Amino acid sequence: MTVFDSIILGIIEGFTEFLPISSTGHLIVASEFLGLEQTNLNKAFEVIIQFAAILAVILTYPSKFTFKHFDLWTKVFIAFLPIAALGFVFSEQVKAMFNIEIVAWMFIVGGIIFLIVEKFYKEGETHTLDVEDVTYKQAIWIGIAQIFALIPGTSRAGASIIGAMLVGLNRKTSAEFSFLLAFPVMCATTAYDLLKHHDELFVASNLINLAVGFIVSFIVAFLTIKLFLKFLESFTFVAFGVYRILFGILLLIIL
């Protein structure tokens, strides 16, 4: 992996992590086109730059990361538990699914689901307009929906946002809860990969690539969060559904 590869992957990760279009799926596709094999080292690198993107959440919502919001973080942790348990038990099976064909089909399936949900979704009938008002029951269902993100190409953000919309959150609140939910998910994933691959990651030849990818991912993710929330003030998720379907079809054609 070169510094150029690190920059490209950092931009892609930062831009796609919080959008419902699967950052992992895009990283797999980008790595394929850059000629980077899906080795344990490269997979660990991708997890590290995903963690960098998650840190942008702290910069966006600094006031949420205090003991005053203990109740909110309890709900976030409850929503995190389903994917944590299944991800730990089936980690090897999940990594075995990391290929472009599965990503392509899950892009299409996820896009269709977004279009169907948006067809029947009524923003005016939602009753949860702030992440502080999310109930424990809603948190559990959002956590269950997020399990589908274990399949590459599904999108963690997409699965949790769809789950949140289906249990009564408006679009912006669904996105914000998904942002916060990304924090424990990626902290756990990063810690796991660091324990397994720290000897390979933190060698002199990899440190520059890691640092460049980390910084680029963080900056792009912060800007993307701001733009995404602004986008949701005026638009729906239909554009993301259409994009997912077209991108998935394009991948199948290329394959």
C-alpha atoms as a PDB file:
ATOM      1  CA  MET A   1       0.000   0.000   0.000  1.00  0.00           C
ATOM      2  CA  THR A   2       1.279   3.456  -0.949  1.00  0.00           C
ATOM      3  CA  VAL A   3       0.551   6.899   0.521  1.00  0.00           C
ATOM      4  CA  PHE A   4      -1.658   7.560  -2.515  1.00  0.00           C
ATOM      5  CA  ASP A   5      -3.686   4.427  -1.706  1.00  0.00           C
ATOM      6  CA  SER A   6      -4.030   5.644   1.892  1.00  0.00           C
ATOM      7  CA  ILE A   7      -5.350   9.029   0.770  1.00  0.00           C
ATOM      8  CA  ILE A   8      -7.888   7.475  -1.626  1.00  0.00           C
ATOM      9  CA  LEU A   9      -9.125   4.999   0.994  1.00  0.00           C
ATOM     10  CA  GLY A  10      -9.225   7.746   3.638  1.00  0.00           C
ATOM     11  CA  ILE A  11     -11.397   9.963   1.421  1.00  0.00           C
ATOM     12  CA  ILE A  12     -13.739   7.099   0.556  1.00  0.00           C
ATOM     13  CA  GLU A  13     -14.063   5.988   4.181  1.00  0.00           C
ATOM     14  CA  GLY A  14     -14.626   9.495   5.527  1.00  0.00           C
ATOM     15  CA  PHE A  15     -17.272  10.243   2.901  1.00  0.00           C
ATOM     16  CA  THR A  16     -19.182   6.959   3.096  1.00  0.00           C
ATOM     17  CA  GLU A  17     -19.052   5.973   6.793  1.00  0.00           C
ATOM     18  CA  PHE A  18     -22.125   7.979   7.831  1.00  0.00           C
ATOM     19  CA  LEU A  19     -24.046   7.802   4.584  1.00  0.00           C
ATOM     20  CA  PRO A  20     -26.354   4.785   4.048  1.00  0.00           C
ATOM     21  CA  ILE A  21     -24.248   3.454   1.177  1.00  0.00           C
ATOM     22  CA  SER A  22     -21.813   1.095   2.963  1.00  0.00           C
ATOM     23  CA  SER A  23     -18.313   2.326   3.685  1.00  0.00           C
ATOM     24  CA  THR A  24     -17.052  -1.273   3.899  1.00  0.00           C
ATOM     25  CA  GLY A  25     -18.537  -2.067   0.492  1.00  0.00           C
ATOM     26  CA  HIS A  26     -16.886   0.959  -1.092  1.00  0.00           C
ATOM     27  CA  LEU A  27     -13.549   0.151   0.552  1.00  0.00           C
ATOM     28  CA  ILE A  28     -13.673  -3.415  -0.767  1.00  0.00           C
ATOM     29  CA  VAL A  29     -14.427  -2.161  -4.285  1.00  0.00           C
ATOM     30  CA  ALA A  30     -11.771   0.577  -4.087  1.00  0.00           C
ATOM     31  CA  SER A  31      -9.164  -1.877  -2.821  1.00  0.00           C
ATOM     32  CA  GLU A  32      -9.984  -4.189  -5.719  1.00  0.00           C
ATOM     33  CA  PHE A  33      -9.459  -1.416  -8.278  1.00  0.00           C
ATOM     34  CA  LEU A  34      -6.282  -0.242  -6.547  1.00  0.00           C
ATOM     35  CA  GLY A  35      -4.951  -3.777  -6.687  1.00  0.00           C
ATOM     36  CA  LEU A  36      -4.857  -4.192  -2.906  1.00  0.00           C
ATOM     37  CA  GLU A  37      -5.530  -7.704  -1.668  1.00  0.00           C
ATOM     38  CA  GLN A  38      -7.973  -8.204   1.203  1.00  0.00           C
ATOM     39  CA  THR A  39      -5.227  -9.383   3.557  1.00  0.00           C
ATOM     40  CA  ASN A  40      -5.621  -9.259   7.329  1.00  0.00           C
ATOM     41  CA  LEU A  41      -3.280  -6.252   7.378  1.00  0.00           C
ATOM     42  CA  ASN A  42      -5.286  -4.285   4.809  1.00  0.00           C
ATOM     43  CA  LYS A  43      -8.563  -5.180   6.522  1.00  0.00           C
ATOM     44  CA  ALA A  44      -7.113  -3.936   9.817  1.00  0.00           C
ATOM     45  CA  PHE A  45      -6.003  -0.713   8.087  1.00  0.00           C
ATOM     46  CA  GLU A  46      -9.570  -0.178   6.884  1.00  0.00           C
ATOM     47  CA  VAL A  47     -10.886  -0.652  10.418  1.00  0.00           C
ATOM     48  CA  ILE A  48      -8.408   1.915  11.767  1.00  0.00           C
ATOM     49  CA  ILE A  49      -9.454   4.596   9.267  1.00  0.00           C
ATOM     50  CA  GLN A  50     -13.090   3.760  10.022  1.00  0.00           C
ATOM     51  CA  PHE A  51     -12.307   4.515  13.660  1.00  0.00           C
ATOM     52  CA  ALA A  52     -10.838   7.865  12.563  1.00  0.00           C
ATOM     53  CA  ALA A  53     -14.149   8.686  10.889  1.00  0.00           C
ATOM     54  CA  ILE A  54     -16.009   7.768  14.071  1.00  0.00           C
ATOM     55  CA  LEU A  55     -13.898  10.230  16.068  1.00  0.00           C
ATOM     56  CA  ALA A  56     -15.457  12.968  13.927  1.00  0.00           C
ATOM     57  CA  VAL A  57     -18.685  12.283  15.831  1.00  0.00           C
ATOM     58  CA  ILE A  58     -17.045  13.566  19.022  1.00  0.00           C
ATOM     59  CA  LEU A  59     -16.083  16.801  17.279  1.00  0.00           C
ATOM     60  CA  THR A  60     -19.628  17.158  15.917  1.00  0.00           C
ATOM     61  CA  TYR A  61     -21.454  16.390  19.185  1.00  0.00           C
ATOM     62  CA  PRO A  62     -18.990  17.227  22.007  1.00  0.00           C
ATOM     63  CA  SER A  63     -21.793  17.946  24.484  1.00  0.00           C
ATOM     64  CA  LYS A  64     -23.210  14.416  24.085  1.00  0.00           C
ATOM     65  CA  PHE A  65     -20.027  12.835  25.417  1.00  0.00           C
ATOM     66  CA  THR A  66     -20.637  13.764  29.052  1.00  0.00           C
ATOM     67  CA  PHE A  67     -22.126  11.993  32.073  1.00  0.00           C
ATOM     68  CA  LYS A  68     -25.163  14.261  31.717  1.00  0.00           C
ATOM     69  CA  HIS A  69     -26.216  12.061  28.804  1.00  0.00           C
ATOM     70  CA  PHE A  70     -25.742   8.758  30.614  1.00  0.00           C
ATOM     71  CA  ASP A  71     -29.316   7.670  29.805  1.00  0.00           C
ATOM     72  CA  LEU A  72     -28.795   8.304  26.080  1.00  0.00           C
ATOM     73  CA  TRP A  73     -25.562   6.292  26.046  1.00  0.00           C
ATOM     74  CA  THR A  74     -27.254   3.454  27.915  1.00  0.00           C
ATOM     75  CA  LYS A  75     -29.721   3.245  25.019  1.00  0.00           C
ATOM     76  CA  VAL A  76     -26.888   3.436  22.499  1.00  0.00           C
ATOM     77  CA  PHE A  77     -25.102   0.607  24.305  1.00  0.00           C
ATOM     78  CA  ILE A  78     -28.281  -1.509  24.293  1.00  0.00           C
ATOM     79  CA  ALA A  79     -28.595  -0.949  20.530  1.00  0.00           C
ATOM     80  CA  PHE A  80     -24.933  -1.931  20.157  1.00  0.00           C
ATOM     81  CA  LEU A  81     -25.214  -5.295  21.961  1.00  0.00           C
ATOM     82  CA  PRO A  82     -26.891  -7.399  19.185  1.00  0.00           C
ATOM     83  CA  ILE A  83     -24.264  -6.675  16.526  1.00  0.00           C
ATOM     84  CA  ALA A  84     -21.469  -6.956  19.104  1.00  0.00           C
ATOM     85  CA  ALA A  85     -22.551 -10.438  20.175  1.00  0.00           C
ATOM     86  CA  LEU A  86     -23.161 -11.833  16.692  1.00  0.00           C
ATOM     87  CA  GLY A  87     -20.149 -10.055  15.210  1.00  0.00           C
ATOM     88  CA  PHE A  88     -17.862 -11.623  17.807  1.00  0.00           C
ATOM     89  CA  VAL A  89     -19.280 -15.127  17.394  1.00  0.00           C
ATOM     90  CA  PHE A  90     -19.348 -15.066  13.592  1.00  0.00           C
ATOM     91  CA  SER A  91     -16.356 -12.785  12.867  1.00  0.00           C
ATOM     92  CA  GLU A  92     -14.601 -15.292  10.607  1.00  0.00           C
ATOM     93  CA  GLN A  93     -17.769 -16.046   8.640  1.00  0.00           C
ATOM     94  CA  VAL A  94     -18.378 -12.308   8.170  1.00  0.00           C
ATOM     95  CA  LYS A  95     -14.850 -11.716   6.850  1.00  0.00           C
ATOM     96  CA  ALA A  96     -15.287 -14.650   4.465  1.00  0.00           C
ATOM     97  CA  MET A  97     -18.138 -12.735   2.784  1.00  0.00           C
ATOM     98  CA  PHE A  98     -15.881  -9.815   1.853  1.00  0.00           C
ATOM     99  CA  ASN A  99     -16.112 -10.012  -1.935  1.00  0.00           C
ATOM    100  CA  ILE A 100     -17.458  -7.724  -4.634  1.00  0.00           C
ATOM    101  CA  GLU A 101     -20.318  -9.973  -5.754  1.00  0.00           C
ATOM    102  CA  ILE A 102     -21.920 -10.063  -2.300  1.00  0.00           C
ATOM    103  CA  VAL A 103     -21.329  -6.316  -1.942  1.00  0.00           C
ATOM    104  CA  ALA A 104     -23.030  -5.660  -5.298  1.00  0.00           C
ATOM    105  CA  TRP A 105     -26.144  -7.647  -4.448  1.00  0.00           C
ATOM    106  CA  MET A 106     -26.445  -6.091  -0.986  1.00  0.00           C
ATOM    107  CA  PHE A 107     -26.142  -2.632  -2.521  1.00  0.00           C
ATOM    108  CA  ILE A 108     -29.131  -3.439  -4.732  1.00  0.00           C
ATOM    109  CA  VAL A 109     -31.193  -5.062  -1.968  1.00  0.00           C
ATOM    110  CA  GLY A 110     -30.477  -2.176   0.408  1.00  0.00           C
ATOM    111  CA  GLY A 111     -31.408   0.361  -2.244  1.00  0.00           C
ATOM    112  CA  ILE A 112     -34.747  -1.340  -2.908  1.00  0.00           C
ATOM    113  CA  ILE A 113     -35.488  -1.419   0.827  1.00  0.00           C
ATOM    114  CA  PHE A 114     -34.786   2.309   1.101  1.00  0.00           C
ATOM    115  CA  LEU A 115     -37.164   3.069  -1.768  1.00  0.00           C
ATOM    116  CA  ILE A 116     -39.903   0.899  -0.249  1.00  0.00           C
ATOM    117  CA  VAL A 117     -39.528   2.445   3.215  1.00  0.00           C
ATOM    118  CA  GLU A 118     -39.534   5.980   1.792  1.00  0.00           C
ATOM    119  CA  LYS A 119     -42.665   5.151  -0.253  1.00  0.00           C
ATOM    120  CA  PHE A 120     -44.678   4.557   2.911  1.00  0.00           C
ATOM    121  CA  TYR A 121     -42.782   6.750   5.387  1.00  0.00           C
ATOM    122  CA  LYS A 122     -44.625   9.822   6.673  1.00  0.00           C
ATOM    123  CA  GLU A 123     -42.257  12.297   8.316  1.00  0.00           C
ATOM    124  CA  GLY A 124     -45.197  14.184   9.858  1.00  0.00           C
ATOM    125  CA  GLU A 125     -46.381  11.077  11.698  1.00  0.00           C
ATOM    126  CA  THR A 126     -43.073  10.455  13.472  1.00  0.00           C
ATOM    127  CA  HIS A 127     -43.054  11.038  17.220  1.00  0.00           C
ATOM    128  CA  THR A 128     -39.360  11.007  18.085  1.00  0.00           C
ATOM    129  CA  LEU A 129     -37.678  14.238  17.018  1.00  0.00           C
ATOM    130  CA  ASP A 130     -34.589  14.188  19.243  1.00  0.00           C
ATOM    131  CA  VAL A 131     -32.071  11.465  20.112  1.00  0.00           C
ATOM    132  CA  GLU A 132     -32.642  12.197  23.799  1.00  0.00           C
ATOM    133  CA  ASP A 133     -36.243  11.020  23.392  1.00  0.00           C
ATOM    134  CA  VAL A 134     -35.403   7.605  21.926  1.00  0.00           C
ATOM    135  CA  THR A 135     -36.948   4.907  24.118  1.00  0.00           C
ATOM    136  CA  TYR A 136     -35.300   1.691  25.270  1.00  0.00           C
ATOM    137  CA  LYS A 137     -37.704  -0.321  23.133  1.00  0.00           C
ATOM    138  CA  GLN A 138     -36.786   1.725  20.049  1.00  0.00           C
ATOM    139  CA  ALA A 139     -33.093   1.284  20.843  1.00  0.00           C
ATOM    140  CA  ILE A 140     -33.490  -2.492  20.968  1.00  0.00           C
ATOM    141  CA  TRP A 141     -35.212  -2.613  17.575  1.00  0.00           C
ATOM    142  CA  ILE A 142     -32.614  -0.318  16.011  1.00  0.00           C
ATOM    143  CA  GLY A 143     -29.923  -2.630  17.373  1.00  0.00           C
ATOM    144  CA  ILE A 144     -31.642  -5.650  15.854  1.00  0.00           C
ATOM    145  CA  ALA A 145     -31.885  -3.880  12.487  1.00  0.00           C
ATOM    146  CA  GLN A 146     -28.178  -3.074  12.639  1.00  0.00           C
ATOM    147  CA  ILE A 147     -27.343  -6.804  12.693  1.00  0.00           C
ATOM    148  CA  PHE A 148     -27.893  -6.899   8.918  1.00  0.00           C
ATOM    149  CA  ALA A 149     -24.823  -4.661   8.575  1.00  0.00           C
ATOM    150  CA  LEU A 150     -22.670  -7.723   9.236  1.00  0.00           C
ATOM    151  CA  ILE A 151     -23.246  -8.591   5.573  1.00  0.00           C
ATOM    152  CA  PRO A 152     -20.731  -6.542   3.512  1.00  0.00           C
ATOM    153  CA  GLY A 153     -22.446  -3.970   1.323  1.00  0.00           C
ATOM    154  CA  THR A 154     -25.493  -3.625   3.564  1.00  0.00           C
ATOM    155  CA  SER A 155     -24.245  -0.468   5.362  1.00  0.00           C
ATOM    156  CA  ARG A 156     -24.229  -0.108   9.131  1.00  0.00           C
ATOM    157  CA  ALA A 157     -25.568   3.428   8.815  1.00  0.00           C
ATOM    158  CA  GLY A 158     -28.232   2.293   6.356  1.00  0.00           C
ATOM    159  CA  ALA A 159     -29.436  -0.608   8.500  1.00  0.00           C
ATOM    160  CA  SER A 160     -29.626   1.462  11.687  1.00  0.00           C
ATOM    161  CA  ILE A 161     -31.306   4.414   9.924  1.00  0.00           C
ATOM    162  CA  ILE A 162     -33.948   2.161   8.369  1.00  0.00           C
ATOM    163  CA  GLY A 163     -34.535   0.523  11.759  1.00  0.00           C
ATOM    164  CA  ALA A 164     -34.874   3.935  13.404  1.00  0.00           C
ATOM    165  CA  MET A 165     -37.326   5.221  10.794  1.00  0.00           C
ATOM    166  CA  LEU A 166     -39.472   2.094  11.143  1.00  0.00           C
ATOM    167  CA  VAL A 167     -39.822   2.594  14.911  1.00  0.00           C
ATOM    168  CA  GLY A 168     -40.862   6.240  14.692  1.00  0.00           C
ATOM    169  CA  LEU A 169     -37.783   8.460  14.491  1.00  0.00           C
ATOM    170  CA  ASN A 170     -37.721  11.255  11.945  1.00  0.00           C
ATOM    171  CA  ARG A 171     -35.010  11.239   9.293  1.00  0.00           C
ATOM    172  CA  LYS A 172     -32.584  13.618  11.026  1.00  0.00           C
ATOM    173  CA  THR A 173     -32.915  11.917  14.412  1.00  0.00           C
ATOM    174  CA  SER A 174     -32.480   8.516  12.757  1.00  0.00           C
ATOM    175  CA  ALA A 175     -29.213   9.724  11.217  1.00  0.00           C
ATOM    176  CA  GLU A 176     -27.986  11.270  14.481  1.00  0.00           C
ATOM    177  CA  PHE A 177     -28.707   8.131  16.511  1.00  0.00           C
ATOM    178  CA  SER A 178     -26.872   6.143  13.831  1.00  0.00           C
ATOM    179  CA  PHE A 179     -23.870   8.491  14.210  1.00  0.00           C
ATOM    180  CA  LEU A 180     -23.739   7.909  17.969  1.00  0.00           C
ATOM    181  CA  LEU A 181     -24.298   4.179  17.560  1.00  0.00           C
ATOM    182  CA  ALA A 182     -21.271   4.009  15.280  1.00  0.00           C
ATOM    183  CA  PHE A 183     -19.034   5.003  18.193  1.00  0.00           C
ATOM    184  CA  PRO A 184     -19.232   1.817  20.325  1.00  0.00           C
ATOM    185  CA  VAL A 185     -19.390  -0.387  17.214  1.00  0.00           C
ATOM    186  CA  MET A 186     -16.164   0.956  15.756  1.00  0.00           C
ATOM    187  CA  CYS A 187     -14.407   1.238  19.132  1.00  0.00           C
ATOM    188  CA  ALA A 188     -15.024  -2.463  19.698  1.00  0.00           C
ATOM    189  CA  THR A 189     -14.062  -3.441  16.144  1.00  0.00           C
ATOM    190  CA  THR A 190     -10.900  -1.347  16.225  1.00  0.00           C
ATOM    191  CA  ALA A 191      -9.816  -2.730  19.597  1.00  0.00           C
ATOM    192  CA  TYR A 192     -10.377  -6.280  18.349  1.00  0.00           C
ATOM    193  CA  ASP A 193      -8.307  -5.745  15.187  1.00  0.00           C
ATOM    194  CA  LEU A 194      -5.548  -3.936  17.076  1.00  0.00           C
ATOM    195  CA  LEU A 195      -5.179  -6.866  19.440  1.00  0.00           C
ATOM    196  CA  LYS A 196      -4.992  -9.315  16.533  1.00  0.00           C
ATOM    197  CA  HIS A 197      -2.778  -7.354  14.139  1.00  0.00           C
ATOM    198  CA  HIS A 198      -0.834  -4.762  16.157  1.00  0.00           C
ATOM    199  CA  ASP A 199       2.497  -6.396  15.273  1.00  0.00           C
ATOM    200  CA  GLU A 200       1.776  -5.944  11.554  1.00  0.00           C
ATOM    201  CA  LEU A 201       0.157  -2.508  11.765  1.00  0.00           C
ATOM    202  CA  PHE A 202       2.648  -0.623  13.886  1.00  0.00           C
ATOM    203  CA  VAL A 203       5.825  -1.199  11.949  1.00  0.00           C
ATOM    204  CA  ALA A 204       7.826   1.663  10.464  1.00  0.00           C
ATOM    205  CA  SER A 205       6.803   0.911   6.875  1.00  0.00           C
ATOM    206  CA  ASN A 206       3.088   1.143   7.735  1.00  0.00           C
ATOM    207  CA  LEU A 207       3.024   4.098  10.143  1.00  0.00           C
ATOM    208  CA  ILE A 208       3.038   6.835   7.485  1.00  0.00           C
ATOM    209  CA  ASN A 209       0.251   5.168   5.495  1.00  0.00           C
ATOM    210  CA  LEU A 210      -1.751   4.653   8.676  1.00  0.00           C
ATOM    211  CA  ALA A 211      -1.299   8.264   9.804  1.00  0.00           C
ATOM    212  CA  VAL A 212      -2.221   9.716   6.395  1.00  0.00           C
ATOM    213  CA  GLY A 213      -5.316   7.534   6.025  1.00  0.00           C
ATOM    214  CA  PHE A 214      -6.375   8.306   9.608  1.00  0.00           C
ATOM    215  CA  ILE A 215      -6.120  12.106   9.235  1.00  0.00           C
ATOM    216  CA  VAL A 216      -7.777  12.225   5.807  1.00  0.00           C
ATOM    217  CA  SER A 217     -10.643   9.994   6.969  1.00  0.00           C
ATOM    218  CA  PHE A 218     -11.239  12.140  10.073  1.00  0.00           C
ATOM    219  CA  ILE A 219     -11.398  15.452   8.176  1.00  0.00           C
ATOM    220  CA  VAL A 220     -13.607  14.160   5.360  1.00  0.00           C
ATOM    221  CA  ALA A 221     -15.960  12.431   7.832  1.00  0.00           C
ATOM    222  CA  PHE A 222     -16.443  15.627   9.853  1.00  0.00           C
ATOM    223  CA  LEU A 223     -17.352  17.621   6.745  1.00  0.00           C
ATOM    224  CA  THR A 224     -19.641  14.846   5.481  1.00  0.00           C
ATOM    225  CA  ILE A 225     -21.638  14.734   8.734  1.00  0.00           C
ATOM    226  CA  LYS A 226     -22.304  18.475   8.484  1.00  0.00           C
ATOM    227  CA  LEU A 227     -23.364  18.258   4.838  1.00  0.00           C
ATOM    228  CA  PHE A 228     -25.488  15.133   5.406  1.00  0.00           C
ATOM    229  CA  LEU A 229     -27.527  16.740   8.209  1.00  0.00           C
ATOM    230  CA  LYS A 230     -28.052  19.819   6.048  1.00  0.00           C
ATOM    231  CA  PHE A 231     -29.168  17.573   3.180  1.00  0.00           C
ATOM    232  CA  LEU A 232     -31.780  15.856   5.352  1.00  0.00           C
ATOM    233  CA  GLU A 233     -33.429  19.173   6.189  1.00  0.00           C
ATOM    234  CA  SER A 234     -34.747  19.329   2.622  1.00  0.00           C
ATOM    235  CA  PHE A 235     -34.469  15.861   1.068  1.00  0.00           C
ATOM    236  CA  THR A 236     -35.297  12.197   1.697  1.00  0.00           C
ATOM    237  CA  PHE A 237     -33.195   9.016   1.396  1.00  0.00           C
ATOM    238  CA  VAL A 238     -34.582   8.219  -2.071  1.00  0.00           C
ATOM    239  CA  ALA A 239     -31.416   9.472  -3.792  1.00  0.00           C
ATOM    240  CA  PHE A 240     -29.331   7.061  -1.713  1.00  0.00           C
ATOM    241  CA  GLY A 241     -31.658   4.189  -2.609  1.00  0.00           C
ATOM    242  CA  VAL A 242     -31.319   4.943  -6.317  1.00  0.00           C
ATOM    243  CA  TYR A 243     -27.539   5.311  -6.006  1.00  0.00           C
ATOM    244  CA  ARG A 244     -27.231   1.967  -4.234  1.00  0.00           C
ATOM    245  CA  ILE A 245     -29.197   0.157  -6.951  1.00  0.00           C
ATOM    246  CA  LEU A 246     -27.264   1.763  -9.831  1.00  0.00           C
ATOM    247  CA  PHE A 247     -23.901   1.183  -8.154  1.00  0.00           C
ATOM    248  CA  GLY A 248     -24.766  -2.452  -7.440  1.00  0.00           C
ATOM    249  CA  ILE A 249     -25.850  -3.047 -11.037  1.00  0.00           C
ATOM    250  CA  LEU A 250     -22.658  -1.404 -12.306  1.00  0.00           C
ATOM    251  CA  LEU A 251     -20.560  -3.725 -10.145  1.00  0.00           C
ATOM    252  CA  LEU A 252     -22.401  -6.796 -11.451  1.00  0.00           C
ATOM    253  CA  ILE A 253     -21.845  -5.636 -15.036  1.00  0.00           C
ATOM    254  CA  ILE A 254     -18.134  -5.123 -14.372  1.00  0.00           C
ATOM    255  CA  LEU A 255     -17.954  -8.563 -12.758  1.00  0.00           C
END
